[in-house]
C-alpha cells in the first residue's frame, strides 16, 4: 500500500510542481533571516549562527509534527481533516528544510541564486548519505571525472558543477527523493492519526528524526563553519524616524510669507534743507443740527438756539 502511494506521488505532475515550488526559497528572504539573527546576536560567530539555525529548524519541524498529531485527539477533527493538515505540515516541513539549507549555504559564503542548485541541495540533504553518494555518482557520469577528495558535496552542487549539468542532476535526484520521502511521510502520517495523544508523539518524533538527519547532512555538505561572515550578511541598521511633533510640515500655498526682522534700530533721518510750513487755512463754521421733540429736522443758523419746549 505504501509503495503504491509512493508511485502515485512520483507520477502526479501537480505534486511534482508543488515540491519544486516549496524546495526553493527566494534569496532576499534567506538573507533577511540571517541578518535578523545577527541583529539579535551581534557578537555571534558563524559557528554560533549555524548552531542557532539548527536549533530553530529542529524546534519548528518538531512542533509542527506534534501539533498535527495532537489534532487526532479531538473528536470533532475527522480523518479527512487530519489528512489535510498532514499535507499542509509536509509542505511546511519542506519549506523549513529549504530555508535552513540555503541559510547554511549563505553563511559559508556561497550564494544560491539558481533554483536548480537550490532544489538539488535540499533534496540531497533530506536523503542524507544516500543523497550525497547519488550526487557524487551522477556528477562523475555527466562530467566524466569525479570531484576531488577535498571538495565537499555541498560546494560541488552549489558552486563547482557547471550550471548546464545541475538541472539534469536535480531531475535525476528528484525521482529518488519523491519516492523515499513519500514512503517515510506516509508512515509518519499514519502514525499521526492514532488518537489519545499518541499521534502527537509519533508526529513530533518522526519529524525530529528526519530533521536531525538533515542537520547531519548539512554539516557533511560544507564542513566546519567559516571564521568570518561574507559582507552580504552584515546587518543593516534602521534609521530612526522623526516623531510627529518634529516632523516637517509642508507650507500651505496661501500662507503669508513671514517678514524679516530688522537687524538693528532705525537711524533718525536728518533733513538737509529747512522745511517751510504752509499758511493756516480758516475753515467756515459748520452748520449744527439742534433737535427737540417738536423741532426735529429744522436747520438752524450758526449762533442761534432753539426755543425751549414748555409743553413737554
Protein backbone atom coordinates (compact mmCIF):
# COMPACT_ATOMS: atom_id res chain seq x y z
CA UNK A 1 0.00 0.00 0.00
CA UNK A 2 2.82 2.40 0.87
CA UNK A 3 4.68 1.55 -2.33
CA UNK A 4 1.56 2.28 -4.38
CA UNK A 5 1.18 5.69 -2.74
CA UNK A 6 4.83 6.47 -3.45
CA UNK A 7 4.40 5.67 -7.14
CA UNK A 8 1.32 7.87 -7.33
CA UNK A 9 3.24 10.76 -5.76
CA UNK A 10 6.15 10.41 -8.17
CA UNK A 11 3.93 10.32 -11.27
CA UNK A 12 1.49 13.06 -10.20
CA UNK A 13 2.52 16.26 -12.06
CA UNK A 14 0.76 18.54 -9.56
CA UNK A 15 2.70 17.01 -6.68
CA UNK A 16 5.96 17.33 -8.59
CA UNK A 17 5.32 21.02 -9.39
CA UNK A 18 4.33 21.68 -5.79
CA UNK A 19 7.51 20.09 -4.47
CA UNK A 20 9.63 22.10 -6.91
CA UNK A 21 7.96 25.29 -5.68
CA UNK A 22 8.44 24.69 -1.95
CA UNK A 23 12.04 23.49 -2.30
CA UNK A 24 13.20 26.92 -3.48
CA UNK A 25 13.27 29.95 -1.19
CA UNK A 26 13.98 33.39 -2.60
CA UNK A 27 17.41 34.66 -1.64
CA UNK A 28 16.25 38.01 -0.12
CA UNK A 29 14.19 36.03 2.42
CA UNK A 30 17.24 33.92 3.32
CA UNK A 31 19.45 37.00 3.72
CA UNK A 32 16.84 38.77 5.86
CA UNK A 33 16.56 35.66 8.05
CA UNK A 34 20.30 35.57 8.76
CA UNK A 35 20.56 39.33 9.27
CA UNK A 36 17.76 39.15 11.82
CA UNK A 37 19.71 36.55 13.80
CA UNK A 38 22.84 38.68 13.66
CA UNK A 39 20.96 41.77 14.89
CA UNK A 40 19.74 39.81 17.89
CA UNK A 41 23.21 38.29 18.48
CA UNK A 42 25.69 40.96 17.34
CA UNK A 43 28.71 39.14 18.80
CA UNK A 44 27.84 35.70 17.41
CA UNK A 45 30.40 33.90 15.25
CA UNK A 46 29.47 31.98 12.07
CA UNK A 47 29.59 28.72 14.03
CA UNK A 48 27.22 30.18 16.62
CA UNK A 49 24.80 31.38 13.92
CA UNK A 50 24.77 27.92 12.30
CA UNK A 51 24.02 26.38 15.71
CA UNK A 52 21.09 28.81 16.11
CA UNK A 53 19.82 27.86 12.65
CA UNK A 54 19.96 24.17 13.59
CA UNK A 55 18.08 24.67 16.87
CA UNK A 56 15.35 26.77 15.27
CA UNK A 57 14.92 24.31 12.41
CA UNK A 58 14.57 21.31 14.71
CA UNK A 59 12.19 23.16 17.02
CA UNK A 60 9.92 24.28 14.15
CA UNK A 61 9.62 20.89 12.41
CA UNK A 62 9.15 19.02 15.70
CA UNK A 63 6.44 21.40 16.89
CA UNK A 64 4.65 21.22 13.52
CA UNK A 65 4.50 17.43 13.52
CA UNK A 66 3.36 17.32 17.16
CA UNK A 67 0.56 19.83 16.63
CA UNK A 68 -0.85 17.96 13.65
CA UNK A 69 -0.63 14.67 15.54
CA UNK A 70 -2.37 16.19 18.56
CA UNK A 71 -5.37 17.14 16.40
CA UNK A 72 -6.35 13.44 16.26
CA UNK A 73 -7.17 13.58 19.97
CA UNK A 74 -10.17 15.85 19.32
CA UNK A 75 -13.38 14.01 18.30
CA UNK A 76 -14.52 16.94 16.13
CA UNK A 77 -11.49 16.52 13.86
CA UNK A 78 -12.18 13.73 11.37
CA UNK A 79 -9.81 11.64 9.33
CA UNK A 80 -10.18 13.85 6.25
CA UNK A 81 -9.26 16.99 8.19
CA UNK A 82 -6.28 15.22 9.77
CA UNK A 83 -5.03 14.14 6.34
CA UNK A 84 -5.42 17.68 5.01
CA UNK A 85 -3.49 19.06 7.98
CA UNK A 86 -0.77 16.47 7.41
CA UNK A 87 -0.44 17.61 3.80
CA UNK A 88 -0.04 21.23 4.90
CA UNK A 89 2.50 20.21 7.53
CA UNK A 90 4.50 18.25 4.93
CA UNK A 91 4.75 21.33 2.73
CA UNK A 92 5.81 23.35 5.77
CA UNK A 93 8.48 20.79 6.57
CA UNK A 94 9.95 21.09 3.07
CA UNK A 95 9.89 24.89 3.18
CA UNK A 96 11.64 24.91 6.56
CA UNK A 97 14.24 22.48 5.19
CA UNK A 98 14.84 24.69 2.16
CA UNK A 99 15.24 27.81 4.33
CA UNK A 100 17.66 26.01 6.64
CA UNK A 101 19.75 24.53 3.81
CA UNK A 102 20.08 27.82 1.91
CA UNK A 103 20.82 29.76 5.12
CA UNK A 104 23.71 27.43 5.98
CA UNK A 105 24.98 27.79 2.42
CA UNK A 106 24.94 31.61 2.67
CA UNK A 107 26.84 31.54 5.98
CA UNK A 108 29.55 29.51 4.22
CA UNK A 109 29.85 32.30 1.66
CA UNK A 110 28.09 30.57 -1.25
CA UNK A 111 25.23 32.46 -2.90
CA UNK A 112 22.39 30.27 -4.18
CA UNK A 113 20.61 32.15 -6.98
CA UNK A 114 19.87 29.22 -9.28
CA UNK A 115 16.62 27.35 -8.45
CA UNK A 116 18.06 24.06 -9.79
CA UNK A 117 21.02 24.27 -7.43
CA UNK A 118 18.71 25.07 -4.51
CA UNK A 119 16.43 22.09 -5.27
CA UNK A 120 19.36 19.70 -5.68
CA UNK A 121 20.87 20.91 -2.40
CA UNK A 122 17.69 20.47 -0.33
CA UNK A 123 16.76 17.10 -1.81
CA UNK A 124 20.26 15.74 -1.22
CA UNK A 125 20.21 16.92 2.40
CA UNK A 126 16.86 15.23 3.01
CA UNK A 127 18.14 11.97 1.51
CA UNK A 128 21.20 12.01 3.76
CA UNK A 129 24.18 9.82 2.93
CA UNK A 130 22.31 8.15 0.08
CA UNK A 131 21.73 11.54 -1.48
CA UNK A 132 25.35 12.67 -1.27
CA UNK A 133 26.53 9.36 -2.78
CA UNK A 134 23.99 9.75 -5.58
CA UNK A 135 25.17 13.30 -6.33
CA UNK A 136 28.79 12.20 -6.49
CA UNK A 137 27.91 9.32 -8.78
CA UNK A 138 25.78 11.42 -11.14
CA UNK A 139 28.40 14.16 -11.29
CA UNK A 140 31.04 11.64 -12.30
CA UNK A 141 28.80 10.19 -15.00
CA UNK A 142 27.79 13.55 -16.52
CA UNK A 143 31.05 15.47 -16.20
CA UNK A 144 33.28 12.45 -16.80
CA UNK A 145 35.51 12.88 -13.75
CA UNK A 146 34.59 12.64 -10.11
CA UNK A 147 35.07 15.54 -7.69
CA UNK A 148 38.31 15.99 -5.80
CA UNK A 149 38.54 14.50 -2.33
CA UNK A 150 38.99 17.94 -0.78
CA UNK A 151 35.71 19.26 -2.24
CA UNK A 152 32.57 18.89 -0.13
CA UNK A 153 29.48 17.75 -1.97
CA UNK A 154 27.59 20.91 -0.94
CA UNK A 155 30.18 23.10 -2.64
CA UNK A 156 30.06 20.83 -5.68
CA UNK A 157 26.28 21.21 -6.06
CA UNK A 158 26.08 24.93 -5.34
CA UNK A 159 29.30 26.18 -6.95
CA UNK A 160 31.70 23.71 -8.61
CA UNK A 161 29.46 21.95 -11.12
CA UNK A 162 28.61 23.80 -14.35
CA UNK A 163 25.14 25.24 -14.45
CA UNK A 164 24.22 23.22 -17.52
CA UNK A 165 24.62 19.91 -15.70
CA UNK A 166 22.94 20.90 -12.43
CA UNK A 167 19.46 20.69 -13.97
CA UNK A 168 19.81 17.05 -15.17
CA UNK A 169 21.32 16.07 -11.82
CA UNK A 170 18.42 17.70 -9.94
CA UNK A 171 15.88 15.88 -12.15
CA UNK A 172 17.63 12.55 -11.52
CA UNK A 173 17.67 13.13 -7.77
CA UNK A 174 14.01 14.16 -7.77
CA UNK A 175 12.67 10.70 -8.63
CA UNK A 176 14.59 9.06 -5.78
CA UNK A 177 13.73 11.89 -3.40
CA UNK A 178 10.00 11.80 -4.04
CA UNK A 179 9.80 8.03 -3.64
CA UNK A 180 11.75 7.86 -0.37
CA UNK A 181 10.18 10.98 1.09
CA UNK A 182 6.68 9.69 0.28
CA UNK A 183 7.40 6.34 1.95
CA UNK A 184 8.81 7.98 5.09
CA UNK A 185 6.00 10.50 5.41
CA UNK A 186 3.25 8.00 4.63
CA UNK A 187 4.31 6.02 7.69
CA UNK A 188 4.52 9.22 9.72
CA UNK A 189 1.06 10.37 8.58
CA UNK A 190 -0.48 7.01 9.52
CA UNK A 191 1.02 7.31 12.99
CA UNK A 192 -0.39 10.83 13.45
CA UNK A 193 -3.94 9.52 13.06
CA UNK A 194 -3.67 7.48 16.28
CA UNK A 195 -5.77 9.22 18.99
CA UNK A 196 -5.20 9.63 22.76
CA UNK A 197 -2.10 11.79 22.24
CA UNK A 198 -0.08 9.04 20.58
CA UNK A 199 -0.31 10.82 17.23
CA UNK A 200 1.41 13.88 18.71
CA UNK A 201 4.33 11.76 19.89
CA UNK A 202 4.62 9.97 16.56
CA UNK A 203 4.33 13.16 14.50
CA UNK A 204 6.79 15.18 16.56
CA UNK A 205 9.25 12.30 16.94
CA UNK A 206 9.20 11.40 13.26
CA UNK A 207 9.85 14.99 12.16
CA UNK A 208 12.60 15.37 14.75
CA UNK A 209 14.45 12.28 13.49
CA UNK A 210 14.21 13.43 9.88
CA UNK A 211 15.30 16.92 10.90
CA UNK A 212 18.36 15.52 12.70
CA UNK A 213 19.31 13.69 9.52
CA UNK A 214 19.13 16.96 7.55
CA UNK A 215 21.33 18.70 10.15
CA UNK A 216 23.95 15.95 9.87
CA UNK A 217 23.83 16.20 6.09
CA UNK A 218 24.39 19.96 6.24
CA UNK A 219 27.48 19.51 8.38
CA UNK A 220 28.88 16.94 5.95
CA UNK A 221 27.98 19.11 2.95
CA UNK A 222 30.16 22.11 3.81
CA UNK A 223 32.49 21.06 6.61
CA UNK A 224 33.46 23.33 9.51
CA UNK A 225 31.97 26.79 9.80
CA UNK A 226 33.99 29.72 8.38
CA UNK A 227 35.74 32.20 10.63
CA UNK A 228 34.17 35.37 9.19
CA UNK A 229 30.86 36.30 7.62
CA UNK A 230 30.55 37.36 3.99
CA UNK A 231 29.91 41.07 3.51
CA UNK A 232 26.37 40.49 2.21
CA UNK A 233 25.27 39.17 5.62
CA UNK A 234 26.17 42.31 7.54
CA UNK A 235 23.06 43.53 9.40
CA UNK A 236 21.53 46.73 8.08
CA UNK A 237 20.80 49.43 10.63
CA UNK A 238 17.41 51.13 10.51
CA UNK A 239 17.47 54.90 10.82
CA UNK A 240 15.10 56.32 13.48
CA UNK A 241 12.06 58.02 12.06
CA UNK A 242 11.15 61.58 13.08
CA UNK A 243 8.41 62.00 15.68
CA UNK A 244 5.09 63.60 14.90
CA UNK A 245 5.92 66.80 16.77
CA UNK A 246 9.21 67.36 14.95
CA UNK A 247 8.12 66.15 11.56
CA UNK A 248 8.39 68.62 8.72
CA UNK A 249 5.04 70.12 7.89
CA UNK A 250 4.57 71.30 4.27
CA UNK A 251 3.82 75.04 3.93
CA UNK A 252 0.40 75.94 2.63
CA UNK A 253 0.16 77.72 -0.67
CA UNK A 254 -1.84 80.68 0.68
CA UNK A 255 0.17 81.06 3.87
CA UNK A 256 1.66 84.58 4.32
CA UNK A 257 5.39 84.86 3.97
CA UNK A 258 6.98 85.78 7.31
CA UNK A 259 8.56 89.25 7.33
CA UNK A 260 12.25 89.50 8.07
CA UNK A 261 13.16 91.03 11.43
CA UNK A 262 15.28 94.22 11.29
CA UNK A 263 18.90 93.64 12.11
CA UNK A 264 19.14 96.86 14.19
CA UNK A 265 17.35 100.06 15.22
CA UNK A 266 16.43 102.58 12.53
CA UNK A 267 18.61 105.70 12.46
CA UNK A 268 16.86 109.12 12.54
CA UNK A 269 16.83 110.97 9.26
CA UNK A 270 18.37 114.47 9.43
CA UNK A 271 16.86 116.86 6.81
CA UNK A 272 19.42 118.66 4.71
CA UNK A 273 17.12 121.61 3.79
CA UNK A 274 14.75 123.65 6.01
CA UNK A 275 11.11 122.68 5.85
CA UNK A 276 8.66 125.55 5.11
CA UNK A 277 5.19 125.14 6.62
CA UNK A 278 2.11 126.26 4.68
CA UNK A 279 -0.09 129.16 5.88
CA UNK A 280 -3.02 128.18 8.10
CA UNK A 281 -6.39 127.83 6.40
CA UNK A 282 -9.52 129.28 8.08
CA UNK A 283 -12.49 126.97 7.78
CA UNK A 284 -16.09 128.21 7.83
CA UNK A 285 -18.13 127.21 10.87
CA UNK A 286 -20.18 124.14 10.31
CA UNK A 287 -23.91 124.19 10.49
CA UNK A 288 -25.30 122.47 13.51
CA UNK A 289 -28.41 120.44 13.94
CA UNK A 290 -30.28 121.04 17.13
CA UNK A 291 -33.19 118.72 17.71
CA UNK A 292 -36.05 118.87 20.12
CA UNK A 293 -39.26 116.99 20.46
CA UNK A 294 -41.18 119.44 18.19
CA UNK A 295 -38.44 120.98 16.10
CA UNK A 296 -36.87 117.82 14.70
CA UNK A 297 -35.01 118.18 11.46
CA UNK A 298 -35.06 122.06 11.45
CA UNK A 299 -31.84 123.57 10.22
CA UNK A 300 -30.74 126.43 12.50
CA UNK A 301 -28.26 129.11 11.60
CA UNK A 302 -25.00 129.21 13.44
CA UNK A 303 -25.23 131.08 16.74
CA UNK A 304 -28.99 130.52 17.20
CA UNK A 305 -30.63 128.27 19.71
CA UNK A 306 -33.93 126.51 19.67
CA UNK A 307 -36.74 127.72 21.94
CA UNK A 308 -37.35 125.62 24.98
CA UNK A 309 -40.36 123.38 24.73
CA UNK A 310 -42.52 124.30 27.71
CA UNK A 311 -45.28 121.90 26.90
CA UNK A 312 -43.00 118.91 27.37
